[in-house]
Protein backbone atom coordinates (compact mmCIF):
# COMPACT_ATOMS: atom_id res chain seq x y z
CA MET A 1 2.35 33.62 -22.70
CA THR A 2 2.86 31.69 -19.58
CA MET A 3 6.42 32.67 -17.55
CA VAL A 4 8.26 29.88 -15.58
CA GLN A 5 8.50 30.11 -12.40
CA LYS A 6 11.72 30.88 -10.84
CA GLY A 7 13.03 28.36 -8.84
CA LEU A 8 10.86 25.49 -9.83
CA PHE A 9 14.59 23.51 -11.11
CA LYS A 10 16.30 24.33 -8.03
CA LEU A 11 16.70 20.78 -6.74
CA ASP A 12 16.78 20.36 -2.35
CA PRO A 13 20.12 19.81 -0.67
CA ILE A 14 21.02 15.81 -0.13
CA PRO A 15 19.13 14.19 2.33
CA SER A 16 20.67 13.03 5.38
CA VAL A 17 20.15 9.31 5.96
CA LYS A 18 18.05 10.22 9.06
CA SER A 19 14.93 12.25 7.00
CA ILE A 20 14.75 9.38 4.86
CA ALA A 21 14.72 6.80 6.99
CA LYS A 22 11.55 8.74 8.55
CA ASN A 23 10.04 9.74 4.89
CA GLU A 24 6.09 7.99 5.20
CA ALA A 25 6.72 7.43 1.37
CA ILE A 26 10.15 5.20 1.72
CA LEU A 27 8.77 3.35 5.03
CA ALA A 28 5.37 1.69 3.13
CA VAL A 29 7.12 1.10 0.72
CA VAL A 30 9.47 -0.97 2.60
CA SER A 31 6.64 -2.02 4.39
CA ALA A 32 5.11 -3.11 1.55
CA SER A 33 8.33 -4.82 0.48
CA ILE A 34 9.67 -6.37 3.72
CA LEU A 35 6.23 -6.77 5.95
CA SER A 36 3.66 -7.83 3.92
CA PRO A 37 5.09 -11.20 2.56
CA ILE A 38 4.71 -12.04 6.18
CA LEU A 39 1.78 -10.44 7.64
CA VAL A 40 -0.36 -10.46 4.22
CA PRO A 41 -0.94 -14.71 5.03
CA LYS A 42 -1.58 -14.49 8.11
CA ILE A 43 -4.22 -11.91 7.49
CA SER A 44 -5.82 -13.42 4.51
CA GLU A 45 -5.74 -16.97 6.60
CA ALA A 46 -8.10 -15.14 8.97
CA VAL A 47 -10.11 -13.30 6.69
CA GLN A 48 -10.48 -17.21 5.05
CA ARG A 49 -12.57 -17.61 8.21
CA LEU A 50 -15.30 -15.49 7.36
CA PRO A 51 -18.52 -16.47 6.02
CA ASP A 52 -18.01 -17.80 2.78
CA ALA A 53 -19.96 -15.11 0.88
CA ILE A 54 -16.68 -12.71 1.76
CA SER A 55 -14.13 -15.13 1.87
CA GLY A 56 -15.27 -17.02 -1.24
CA HIS A 57 -14.74 -13.80 -3.73
CA ALA A 58 -10.67 -12.74 -3.30
CA SER A 59 -11.19 -9.07 -4.05
CA LEU A 60 -13.57 -8.72 -1.43
CA ALA A 61 -11.18 -10.47 0.74
CA ALA A 62 -8.58 -8.53 0.19
CA ALA A 63 -10.46 -5.33 -0.33
CA ILE A 64 -11.85 -5.76 3.73
CA PRO A 65 -8.29 -6.20 5.61
CA ALA A 66 -6.62 -3.02 3.23
CA LEU A 67 -9.61 -0.72 3.97
CA LEU A 68 -9.03 -1.72 8.07
CA LEU A 69 -5.79 -1.53 7.89
CA PHE A 70 -5.96 1.75 5.66
CA ARG A 71 -8.25 3.32 8.57
CA ILE A 72 -5.60 2.40 11.34
CA GLY A 73 -2.78 3.48 9.63
CA ILE A 74 -3.76 7.12 8.90
CA THR A 75 -5.46 7.41 12.61
CA MET A 76 -2.11 6.54 13.85
CA SER A 77 -0.46 9.65 16.32
CA ASN A 78 2.65 7.57 15.40
CA ARG A 79 3.43 8.54 11.70
CA VAL A 80 6.70 6.11 11.32
CA LEU A 81 4.48 3.14 12.61
CA GLY A 82 1.97 4.61 10.43
CA ALA A 83 3.47 4.30 7.36
CA LEU A 84 4.67 1.41 7.84
CA VAL A 85 0.84 -0.19 8.26
CA LEU A 86 0.10 1.94 5.15
CA GLY A 87 2.38 0.03 3.35
CA VAL A 88 0.91 -3.44 4.58
CA ALA A 89 -2.29 -1.79 3.66
CA GLY A 90 -1.12 -0.98 -0.58
CA SER A 91 -0.43 -5.05 -0.21
CA PHE A 92 -3.92 -5.69 0.12
CA VAL A 93 -4.92 -2.90 -2.19
CA LEU A 94 -2.98 -5.09 -5.17
CA THR A 95 -4.20 -8.20 -3.79
CA ALA A 96 -7.88 -6.97 -4.38
CA ILE A 97 -7.32 -5.52 -7.86
CA MET A 98 -5.34 -8.39 -9.24
CA PRO A 99 -8.43 -10.32 -10.22
CA ILE A 100 -9.92 -7.44 -12.13
CA VAL A 101 -6.52 -6.59 -13.66
CA SER A 102 -5.32 -9.41 -14.89
CA PRO A 103 -7.81 -10.54 -17.57
CA ILE A 104 -7.71 -6.77 -19.14
CA LEU A 105 -3.75 -7.09 -19.45
CA ASN A 106 -4.02 -10.74 -20.73
CA LYS A 107 -6.28 -9.07 -23.65
CA VAL A 108 -3.84 -6.20 -24.17
CA ASN A 109 -0.77 -8.70 -23.83
CA PRO A 110 -1.49 -11.80 -25.56
C-alpha cells in the first residue's frame, strides 16, 4: 500500500507579475510566438544561401539553426535572453519535424 506524501497537493501562493516575467518557460513561449515570426524568415533566408545539399532538404535546413540556437541559448549567462533564444530555437524544431509528422498525421486523420 502506498502512502500519499503530505503537502503533495498544496498549491504555491499566487506568483507576482515580476516572477512570471522572469520565468524562463514563459519567456520561451512568448519568444516562440512573438519573436519567431520575425526572426525565422530572416534565418531561413540565410540558410537558403547554403549549399543545395543542405538548403534543399527542409528538415535539415531547419534543424541546423535549431541546434545552433539551442547551443547559444543554453550557454548564455543572461537567462532571460537565453530563454528568448530557446523559444526561437523551438520554433525551428517544429519547422524541422513538420515534413516528417505531416504525412503521419494525414494517415491518422483522413
